[in-house]
Amino acid sequence: MSTDFVVFVSHQTLLTALYILLPLLGSALLVGLMVGLFQAVTSIQEITLTFIPKIAIVGLVMLLLIPWMLDLVMGFNLLIFDQITQLGK
């Protein structure tokens, strides 16, 4: 196993994780900002108010994007298995 292979696998792993997590974290960030703005405007200082909308939106985004996420992970797995077979030759 060469250094190039390890760097390639690490790079692909980080990119795949970033592609999967970015929509989830982005939606949680946007909901958190909107709830924070709502709390600032209405002077409601309830700490637990931010958790329920974040959980609901992240769950909804996850449900909507599961086919895309699974396709991305399957492509990553096929790429890694292909690289492993080429490494063995």
PDB file of N, CA and C in Angstrom:
ATOM      1  N   MET A   1       0.864  -1.167   0.000  1.00  0.00           N
ATOM      2  CA  MET A   1       0.000   0.000   0.000  1.00  0.00           C
ATOM      3  C   MET A   1       0.911   1.232   0.000  1.00  0.00           C
ATOM      4  N   SER A   2       0.652   2.105  -0.941  1.00  0.00           N
ATOM      5  CA  SER A   2       1.496   3.279  -1.072  1.00  0.00           C
ATOM      6  C   SER A   2       0.873   4.484  -0.370  1.00  0.00           C
ATOM      7  N   THR A   3       1.662   5.513  -0.264  1.00  0.00           N
ATOM      8  CA  THR A   3       1.186   6.754   0.347  1.00  0.00           C
ATOM      9  C   THR A   3       0.113   7.406  -0.517  1.00  0.00           C
ATOM     10  N   ASP A   4       0.250   7.280  -1.836  1.00  0.00           N
ATOM     11  CA  ASP A   4      -0.752   7.849  -2.744  1.00  0.00           C
ATOM     12  C   ASP A   4      -2.125   7.227  -2.529  1.00  0.00           C
ATOM     13  N   PHE A   5      -2.148   5.915  -2.302  1.00  0.00           N
ATOM     14  CA  PHE A   5      -3.415   5.230  -2.067  1.00  0.00           C
ATOM     15  C   PHE A   5      -4.066   5.717  -0.774  1.00  0.00           C
ATOM     16  N   VAL A   6      -3.282   5.856   0.271  1.00  0.00           N
ATOM     17  CA  VAL A   6      -3.813   6.314   1.563  1.00  0.00           C
ATOM     18  C   VAL A   6      -4.347   7.744   1.438  1.00  0.00           C
ATOM     19  N   VAL A   7      -3.613   8.591   0.740  1.00  0.00           N
ATOM     20  CA  VAL A   7      -4.069   9.973   0.541  1.00  0.00           C
ATOM     21  C   VAL A   7      -5.345   9.994  -0.285  1.00  0.00           C
ATOM     22  N   PHE A   8      -5.413   9.160  -1.325  1.00  0.00           N
ATOM     23  CA  PHE A   8      -6.613   9.099  -2.165  1.00  0.00           C
ATOM     24  C   PHE A   8      -7.825   8.644  -1.367  1.00  0.00           C
ATOM     25  N   VAL A   9      -7.664   7.580  -0.599  1.00  0.00           N
ATOM     26  CA  VAL A   9      -8.780   7.055   0.200  1.00  0.00           C
ATOM     27  C   VAL A   9      -9.207   8.077   1.250  1.00  0.00           C
ATOM     28  N   SER A  10      -8.259   8.718   1.897  1.00  0.00           N
ATOM     29  CA  SER A  10      -8.590   9.736   2.903  1.00  0.00           C
ATOM     30  C   SER A  10      -9.330  10.909   2.268  1.00  0.00           C
ATOM     31  N   HIS A  11      -8.864  11.343   1.108  1.00  0.00           N
ATOM     32  CA  HIS A  11      -9.501  12.461   0.407  1.00  0.00           C
ATOM     33  C   HIS A  11     -10.935  12.109   0.011  1.00  0.00           C
ATOM     34  N   GLN A  12     -11.127  10.921  -0.557  1.00  0.00           N
ATOM     35  CA  GLN A  12     -12.465  10.509  -0.962  1.00  0.00           C
ATOM     36  C   GLN A  12     -13.392  10.327   0.242  1.00  0.00           C
ATOM     37  N   THR A  13     -12.852   9.826   1.343  1.00  0.00           N
ATOM     38  CA  THR A  13     -13.658   9.648   2.547  1.00  0.00           C
ATOM     39  C   THR A  13     -14.125  10.988   3.094  1.00  0.00           C
ATOM     40  N   LEU A  14     -13.222  11.941   3.168  1.00  0.00           N
ATOM     41  CA  LEU A  14     -13.590  13.261   3.683  1.00  0.00           C
ATOM     42  C   LEU A  14     -14.585  13.974   2.758  1.00  0.00           C
ATOM     43  N   LEU A  15     -14.393  13.856   1.456  1.00  0.00           N
ATOM     44  CA  LEU A  15     -15.332  14.480   0.519  1.00  0.00           C
ATOM     45  C   LEU A  15     -16.716  13.850   0.622  1.00  0.00           C
ATOM     46  N   THR A  16     -16.767  12.530   0.722  1.00  0.00           N
ATOM     47  CA  THR A  16     -18.058  11.854   0.841  1.00  0.00           C
ATOM     48  C   THR A  16     -18.761  12.266   2.130  1.00  0.00           C
ATOM     49  N   ALA A  17     -18.030  12.310   3.227  1.00  0.00           N
ATOM     50  CA  ALA A  17     -18.618  12.733   4.503  1.00  0.00           C
ATOM     51  C   ALA A  17     -19.099  14.177   4.431  1.00  0.00           C
ATOM     52  N   LEU A  18     -18.333  15.027   3.781  1.00  0.00           N
ATOM     53  CA  LEU A  18     -18.725  16.430   3.642  1.00  0.00           C
ATOM     54  C   LEU A  18     -19.990  16.570   2.808  1.00  0.00           C
ATOM     55  N   TYR A  19     -20.067  15.834   1.696  1.00  0.00           N
ATOM     56  CA  TYR A  19     -21.256  15.896   0.848  1.00  0.00           C
ATOM     57  C   TYR A  19     -22.501  15.411   1.577  1.00  0.00           C
ATOM     58  N   ILE A  20     -22.335  14.406   2.430  1.00  0.00           N
ATOM     59  CA  ILE A  20     -23.497  13.874   3.154  1.00  0.00           C
ATOM     60  C   ILE A  20     -23.910  14.803   4.293  1.00  0.00           C
ATOM     61  N   LEU A  21     -22.947  15.349   5.010  1.00  0.00           N
ATOM     62  CA  LEU A  21     -23.270  16.140   6.200  1.00  0.00           C
ATOM     63  C   LEU A  21     -23.632  17.592   5.906  1.00  0.00           C
ATOM     64  N   LEU A  22     -23.153  18.132   4.793  1.00  0.00           N
ATOM     65  CA  LEU A  22     -23.381  19.552   4.516  1.00  0.00           C
ATOM     66  C   LEU A  22     -24.871  19.930   4.437  1.00  0.00           C
ATOM     67  N   PRO A  23     -25.724  19.177   3.741  1.00  0.00           N
ATOM     68  CA  PRO A  23     -27.144  19.554   3.745  1.00  0.00           C
ATOM     69  C   PRO A  23     -27.790  19.474   5.127  1.00  0.00           C
ATOM     70  N   LEU A  24     -27.387  18.478   5.914  1.00  0.00           N
ATOM     71  CA  LEU A  24     -27.968  18.328   7.253  1.00  0.00           C
ATOM     72  C   LEU A  24     -27.531  19.463   8.173  1.00  0.00           C
ATOM     73  N   LEU A  25     -26.231  19.745   8.175  1.00  0.00           N
ATOM     74  CA  LEU A  25     -25.732  20.816   9.034  1.00  0.00           C
ATOM     75  C   LEU A  25     -26.190  22.186   8.550  1.00  0.00           C
ATOM     76  N   GLY A  26     -26.275  22.363   7.236  1.00  0.00           N
ATOM     77  CA  GLY A  26     -26.754  23.641   6.694  1.00  0.00           C
ATOM     78  C   GLY A  26     -28.198  23.912   7.057  1.00  0.00           C
ATOM     79  N   SER A  27     -29.049  22.891   6.968  1.00  0.00           N
ATOM     80  CA  SER A  27     -30.445  23.087   7.334  1.00  0.00           C
ATOM     81  C   SER A  27     -30.586  23.363   8.829  1.00  0.00           C
ATOM     82  N   ALA A  28     -29.798  22.671   9.664  1.00  0.00           N
ATOM     83  CA  ALA A  28     -29.835  22.932  11.107  1.00  0.00           C
ATOM     84  C   ALA A  28     -29.363  24.347  11.405  1.00  0.00           C
ATOM     85  N   LEU A  29     -28.357  24.813  10.689  1.00  0.00           N
ATOM     86  CA  LEU A  29     -27.864  26.173  10.886  1.00  0.00           C
ATOM     87  C   LEU A  29     -28.917  27.209  10.506  1.00  0.00           C
ATOM     88  N   LEU A  30     -29.567  27.018   9.362  1.00  0.00           N
ATOM     89  CA  LEU A  30     -30.593  27.968   8.934  1.00  0.00           C
ATOM     90  C   LEU A  30     -31.781  28.002   9.895  1.00  0.00           C
ATOM     91  N   VAL A  31     -32.206  26.841  10.351  1.00  0.00           N
ATOM     92  CA  VAL A  31     -33.318  26.800  11.311  1.00  0.00           C
ATOM     93  C   VAL A  31     -32.900  27.436  12.626  1.00  0.00           C
ATOM     94  N   GLY A  32     -31.686  27.183  13.064  1.00  0.00           N
ATOM     95  CA  GLY A  32     -31.203  27.793  14.295  1.00  0.00           C
ATOM     96  C   GLY A  32     -31.155  29.315  14.197  1.00  0.00           C
ATOM     97  N   LEU A  33     -30.721  29.822  13.039  1.00  0.00           N
ATOM     98  CA  LEU A  33     -30.706  31.278  12.849  1.00  0.00           C
ATOM     99  C   LEU A  33     -32.111  31.865  12.834  1.00  0.00           C
ATOM    100  N   MET A  34     -33.035  31.178  12.173  1.00  0.00           N
ATOM    101  CA  MET A  34     -34.413  31.684  12.134  1.00  0.00           C
ATOM    102  C   MET A  34     -35.065  31.663  13.509  1.00  0.00           C
ATOM    103  N   VAL A  35     -34.848  30.591  14.268  1.00  0.00           N
ATOM    104  CA  VAL A  35     -35.413  30.510  15.614  1.00  0.00           C
ATOM    105  C   VAL A  35     -34.756  31.549  16.519  1.00  0.00           C
ATOM    106  N   GLY A  36     -33.452  31.730  16.370  1.00  0.00           N
ATOM    107  CA  GLY A  36     -32.765  32.756  17.157  1.00  0.00           C
ATOM    108  C   GLY A  36     -33.271  34.150  16.844  1.00  0.00           C
ATOM    109  N   LEU A  37     -33.523  34.424  15.566  1.00  0.00           N
ATOM    110  CA  LEU A  37     -34.087  35.717  15.182  1.00  0.00           C
ATOM    111  C   LEU A  37     -35.494  35.887  15.744  1.00  0.00           C
ATOM    112  N   PHE A  38     -36.288  34.813  15.676  1.00  0.00           N
ATOM    113  CA  PHE A  38     -37.632  34.856  16.248  1.00  0.00           C
ATOM    114  C   PHE A  38     -37.580  35.109  17.751  1.00  0.00           C
ATOM    115  N   GLN A  39     -36.641  34.463  18.432  1.00  0.00           N
ATOM    116  CA  GLN A  39     -36.519  34.666  19.873  1.00  0.00           C
ATOM    117  C   GLN A  39     -36.055  36.082  20.193  1.00  0.00           C
ATOM    118  N   ALA A  40     -35.199  36.631  19.375  1.00  0.00           N
ATOM    119  CA  ALA A  40     -34.734  37.998  19.628  1.00  0.00           C
ATOM    120  C   ALA A  40     -35.843  39.009  19.402  1.00  0.00           C
ATOM    121  N   VAL A  41     -36.661  38.781  18.381  1.00  0.00           N
ATOM    122  CA  VAL A  41     -37.747  39.719  18.077  1.00  0.00           C
ATOM    123  C   VAL A  41     -38.846  39.645  19.130  1.00  0.00           C
ATOM    124  N   THR A  42     -39.174  38.437  19.575  1.00  0.00           N
ATOM    125  CA  THR A  42     -40.286  38.289  20.519  1.00  0.00           C
ATOM    126  C   THR A  42     -39.846  38.279  21.975  1.00  0.00           C
ATOM    127  N   SER A  43     -38.556  38.343  22.239  1.00  0.00           N
ATOM    128  CA  SER A  43     -37.994  38.317  23.596  1.00  0.00           C
ATOM    129  C   SER A  43     -38.344  37.043  24.354  1.00  0.00           C
ATOM    130  N   ILE A  44     -38.557  35.956  23.632  1.00  0.00           N
ATOM    131  CA  ILE A  44     -38.752  34.649  24.262  1.00  0.00           C
ATOM    132  C   ILE A  44     -37.381  34.035  24.472  1.00  0.00           C
ATOM    133  N   GLN A  45     -37.036  33.725  25.697  1.00  0.00           N
ATOM    134  CA  GLN A  45     -35.712  33.201  26.001  1.00  0.00           C
ATOM    135  C   GLN A  45     -35.770  31.740  26.443  1.00  0.00           C
ATOM    136  N   GLU A  46     -36.528  30.939  25.732  1.00  0.00           N
ATOM    137  CA  GLU A  46     -36.639  29.517  26.037  1.00  0.00           C
ATOM    138  C   GLU A  46     -35.526  28.762  25.327  1.00  0.00           C
ATOM    139  N   ILE A  47     -34.672  28.101  26.080  1.00  0.00           N
ATOM    140  CA  ILE A  47     -33.511  27.432  25.505  1.00  0.00           C
ATOM    141  C   ILE A  47     -33.927  26.213  24.677  1.00  0.00           C
ATOM    142  N   THR A  48     -34.934  25.497  25.136  1.00  0.00           N
ATOM    143  CA  THR A  48     -35.333  24.270  24.447  1.00  0.00           C
ATOM    144  C   THR A  48     -36.117  24.530  23.168  1.00  0.00           C
ATOM    145  N   LEU A  49     -36.473  25.765  22.901  1.00  0.00           N
ATOM    146  CA  LEU A  49     -37.252  26.089  21.704  1.00  0.00           C
ATOM    147  C   LEU A  49     -36.474  25.802  20.422  1.00  0.00           C
ATOM    148  N   THR A  50     -35.170  25.848  20.460  1.00  0.00           N
ATOM    149  CA  THR A  50     -34.391  25.642  19.242  1.00  0.00           C
ATOM    150  C   THR A  50     -34.248  24.163  18.877  1.00  0.00           C
ATOM    151  N   PHE A  51     -34.353  23.257  19.837  1.00  0.00           N
ATOM    152  CA  PHE A  51     -34.076  21.856  19.561  1.00  0.00           C
ATOM    153  C   PHE A  51     -35.147  21.177  18.725  1.00  0.00           C
ATOM    154  N   ILE A  52     -36.412  21.397  19.024  1.00  0.00           N
ATOM    155  CA  ILE A  52     -37.497  20.710  18.320  1.00  0.00           C
ATOM    156  C   ILE A  52     -37.521  21.067  16.838  1.00  0.00           C
ATOM    157  N   PRO A  53     -37.464  22.349  16.445  1.00  0.00           N
ATOM    158  CA  PRO A  53     -37.441  22.642  15.006  1.00  0.00           C
ATOM    159  C   PRO A  53     -36.197  22.095  14.303  1.00  0.00           C
ATOM    160  N   LYS A  54     -35.047  22.144  14.969  1.00  0.00           N
ATOM    161  CA  LYS A  54     -33.829  21.608  14.355  1.00  0.00           C
ATOM    162  C   LYS A  54     -33.953  20.110  14.118  1.00  0.00           C
ATOM    163  N   ILE A  55     -34.428  19.381  15.105  1.00  0.00           N
ATOM    164  CA  ILE A  55     -34.580  17.935  14.958  1.00  0.00           C
ATOM    165  C   ILE A  55     -35.578  17.618  13.856  1.00  0.00           C
ATOM    166  N   ALA A  56     -36.681  18.357  13.806  1.00  0.00           N
ATOM    167  CA  ALA A  56     -37.701  18.104  12.790  1.00  0.00           C
ATOM    168  C   ALA A  56     -37.169  18.383  11.381  1.00  0.00           C
ATOM    169  N   ILE A  57     -36.494  19.496  11.200  1.00  0.00           N
ATOM    170  CA  ILE A  57     -35.983  19.851   9.871  1.00  0.00           C
ATOM    171  C   ILE A  57     -34.870  18.909   9.442  1.00  0.00           C
ATOM    172  N   VAL A  58     -33.953  18.581  10.330  1.00  0.00           N
ATOM    173  CA  VAL A  58     -32.873  17.651   9.981  1.00  0.00           C
ATOM    174  C   VAL A  58     -33.458  16.273   9.641  1.00  0.00           C
ATOM    175  N   GLY A  59     -34.450  15.829  10.374  1.00  0.00           N
ATOM    176  CA  GLY A  59     -35.113  14.559  10.054  1.00  0.00           C
ATOM    177  C   GLY A  59     -35.805  14.604   8.705  1.00  0.00           C
ATOM    178  N   LEU A  60     -36.468  15.711   8.399  1.00  0.00           N
ATOM    179  CA  LEU A  60     -37.151  15.853   7.112  1.00  0.00           C
ATOM    180  C   LEU A  60     -36.152  15.895   5.959  1.00  0.00           C
ATOM    181  N   VAL A  61     -35.081  16.658   6.130  1.00  0.00           N
ATOM    182  CA  VAL A  61     -34.047  16.731   5.087  1.00  0.00           C
ATOM    183  C   VAL A  61     -33.410  15.357   4.893  1.00  0.00           C
ATOM    184  N   MET A  62     -33.188  14.643   5.980  1.00  0.00           N
ATOM    185  CA  MET A  62     -32.606  13.313   5.876  1.00  0.00           C
ATOM    186  C   MET A  62     -33.537  12.366   5.126  1.00  0.00           C
ATOM    187  N   LEU A  63     -34.820  12.423   5.435  1.00  0.00           N
ATOM    188  CA  LEU A  63     -35.782  11.573   4.731  1.00  0.00           C
ATOM    189  C   LEU A  63     -35.836  11.897   3.246  1.00  0.00           C
ATOM    190  N   LEU A  64     -35.778  13.174   2.918  1.00  0.00           N
ATOM    191  CA  LEU A  64     -35.843  13.569   1.514  1.00  0.00           C
ATOM    192  C   LEU A  64     -34.567  13.211   0.745  1.00  0.00           C
ATOM    193  N   LEU A  65     -33.422  13.239   1.420  1.00  0.00           N
ATOM    194  CA  LEU A  65     -32.149  13.035   0.739  1.00  0.00           C
ATOM    195  C   LEU A  65     -31.560  11.635   0.910  1.00  0.00           C
ATOM    196  N   ILE A  66     -32.280  10.724   1.550  1.00  0.00           N
ATOM    197  CA  ILE A  66     -31.742   9.378   1.759  1.00  0.00           C
ATOM    198  C   ILE A  66     -31.397   8.678   0.440  1.00  0.00           C
ATOM    199  N   PRO A  67     -32.213   8.757  -0.606  1.00  0.00           N
ATOM    200  CA  PRO A  67     -31.796   8.093  -1.855  1.00  0.00           C
ATOM    201  C   PRO A  67     -30.480   8.653  -2.406  1.00  0.00           C
ATOM    202  N   TRP A  68     -30.322   9.955  -2.366  1.00  0.00           N
ATOM    203  CA  TRP A  68     -29.082  10.578  -2.845  1.00  0.00           C
ATOM    204  C   TRP A  68     -27.903  10.190  -1.964  1.00  0.00           C
ATOM    205  N   MET A  69     -28.107  10.182  -0.652  1.00  0.00           N
ATOM    206  CA  MET A  69     -27.026   9.815   0.266  1.00  0.00           C
ATOM    207  C   MET A  69     -26.602   8.363   0.067  1.00  0.00           C
ATOM    208  N   LEU A  70     -27.575   7.466  -0.088  1.00  0.00           N
ATOM    209  CA  LEU A  70     -27.241   6.057  -0.306  1.00  0.00           C
ATOM    210  C   LEU A  70     -26.514   5.864  -1.626  1.00  0.00           C
ATOM    211  N   ASP A  71     -26.924   6.604  -2.656  1.00  0.00           N
ATOM    212  CA  ASP A  71     -26.243   6.525  -3.943  1.00  0.00           C
ATOM    213  C   ASP A  71     -24.800   7.000  -3.810  1.00  0.00           C
ATOM    214  N   LEU A  72     -24.594   8.057  -3.053  1.00  0.00           N
ATOM    215  CA  LEU A  72     -23.246   8.588  -2.831  1.00  0.00           C
ATOM    216  C   LEU A  72     -22.376   7.590  -2.073  1.00  0.00           C
ATOM    217  N   VAL A  73     -22.920   6.978  -1.049  1.00  0.00           N
ATOM    218  CA  VAL A  73     -22.161   5.997  -0.264  1.00  0.00           C
ATOM    219  C   VAL A  73     -21.879   4.739  -1.090  1.00  0.00           C
ATOM    220  N   MET A  74     -22.848   4.312  -1.885  1.00  0.00           N
ATOM    221  CA  MET A  74     -22.626   3.142  -2.742  1.00  0.00           C
ATOM    222  C   MET A  74     -21.536   3.424  -3.777  1.00  0.00           C
ATOM    223  N   GLY A  75     -21.556   4.615  -4.365  1.00  0.00           N
ATOM    224  CA  GLY A  75     -20.509   4.982  -5.308  1.00  0.00           C
ATOM    225  C   GLY A  75     -19.142   5.021  -4.648  1.00  0.00           C
ATOM    226  N   PHE A  76     -19.097   5.529  -3.426  1.00  0.00           N
ATOM    227  CA  PHE A  76     -17.842   5.553  -2.667  1.00  0.00           C
ATOM    228  C   PHE A  76     -17.341   4.135  -2.404  1.00  0.00           C
ATOM    229  N   ASN A  77     -18.251   3.249  -1.980  1.00  0.00           N
ATOM    230  CA  ASN A  77     -17.855   1.869  -1.706  1.00  0.00           C
ATOM    231  C   ASN A  77     -17.354   1.171  -2.965  1.00  0.00           C
ATOM    232  N   LEU A  78     -18.044   1.367  -4.080  1.00  0.00           N
ATOM    233  CA  LEU A  78     -17.598   0.757  -5.330  1.00  0.00           C
ATOM    234  C   LEU A  78     -16.229   1.286  -5.743  1.00  0.00           C
ATOM    235  N   LEU A  79     -16.002   2.574  -5.557  1.00  0.00           N
ATOM    236  CA  LEU A  79     -14.712   3.166  -5.880  1.00  0.00           C
ATOM    237  C   LEU A  79     -13.602   2.580  -5.019  1.00  0.00           C
ATOM    238  N   ILE A  80     -13.862   2.443  -3.726  1.00  0.00           N
ATOM    239  CA  ILE A  80     -12.856   1.890  -2.812  1.00  0.00           C
ATOM    240  C   ILE A  80     -12.580   0.427  -3.140  1.00  0.00           C
ATOM    241  N   PHE A  81     -13.632  -0.363  -3.393  1.00  0.00           N
ATOM    242  CA  PHE A  81     -13.418  -1.776  -3.730  1.00  0.00           C
ATOM    243  C   PHE A  81     -12.664  -1.920  -5.050  1.00  0.00           C
ATOM    244  N   ASP A  82     -12.953  -1.033  -6.008  1.00  0.00           N
ATOM    245  CA  ASP A  82     -12.237  -1.047  -7.270  1.00  0.00           C
ATOM    246  C   ASP A  82     -10.758  -0.714  -7.054  1.00  0.00           C
ATOM    247  N   GLN A  83     -10.493   0.258  -6.200  1.00  0.00           N
ATOM    248  CA  GLN A  83      -9.109   0.620  -5.911  1.00  0.00           C
ATOM    249  C   GLN A  83      -8.378  -0.515  -5.183  1.00  0.00           C
ATOM    250  N   ILE A  84      -9.072  -1.227  -4.315  1.00  0.00           N
ATOM    251  CA  ILE A  84      -8.445  -2.336  -3.595  1.00  0.00           C
ATOM    252  C   ILE A  84      -8.089  -3.461  -4.565  1.00  0.00           C
ATOM    253  N   THR A  85      -8.994  -3.766  -5.515  1.00  0.00           N
ATOM    254  CA  THR A  85      -8.676  -4.813  -6.485  1.00  0.00           C
ATOM    255  C   THR A  85      -7.525  -4.418  -7.390  1.00  0.00           C
ATOM    256  N   GLN A  86      -7.447  -3.131  -7.740  1.00  0.00           N
ATOM    257  CA  GLN A  86      -6.325  -2.681  -8.567  1.00  0.00           C
ATOM    258  C   GLN A  86      -5.024  -2.667  -7.776  1.00  0.00           C
ATOM    259  N   LEU A  87      -5.114  -2.470  -6.481  1.00  0.00           N
ATOM    260  CA  LEU A  87      -3.927  -2.486  -5.629  1.00  0.00           C
ATOM    261  C   LEU A  87      -3.337  -3.886  -5.532  1.00  0.00           C
ATOM    262  N   GLY A  88      -4.210  -4.887  -5.582  1.00  0.00           N
ATOM    263  CA  GLY A  88      -3.765  -6.272  -5.470  1.00  0.00           C
ATOM    264  C   GLY A  88      -3.113  -6.812  -6.725  1.00  0.00           C
ATOM    265  N   LYS A  89      -3.285  -6.133  -7.849  1.00  0.00           N
ATOM    266  CA  LYS A  89      -2.719  -6.642  -9.115  1.00  0.00           C
ATOM    267  C   LYS A  89      -1.250  -6.369  -9.223  1.00  0.00           C
TER     268      LYS A  89
END
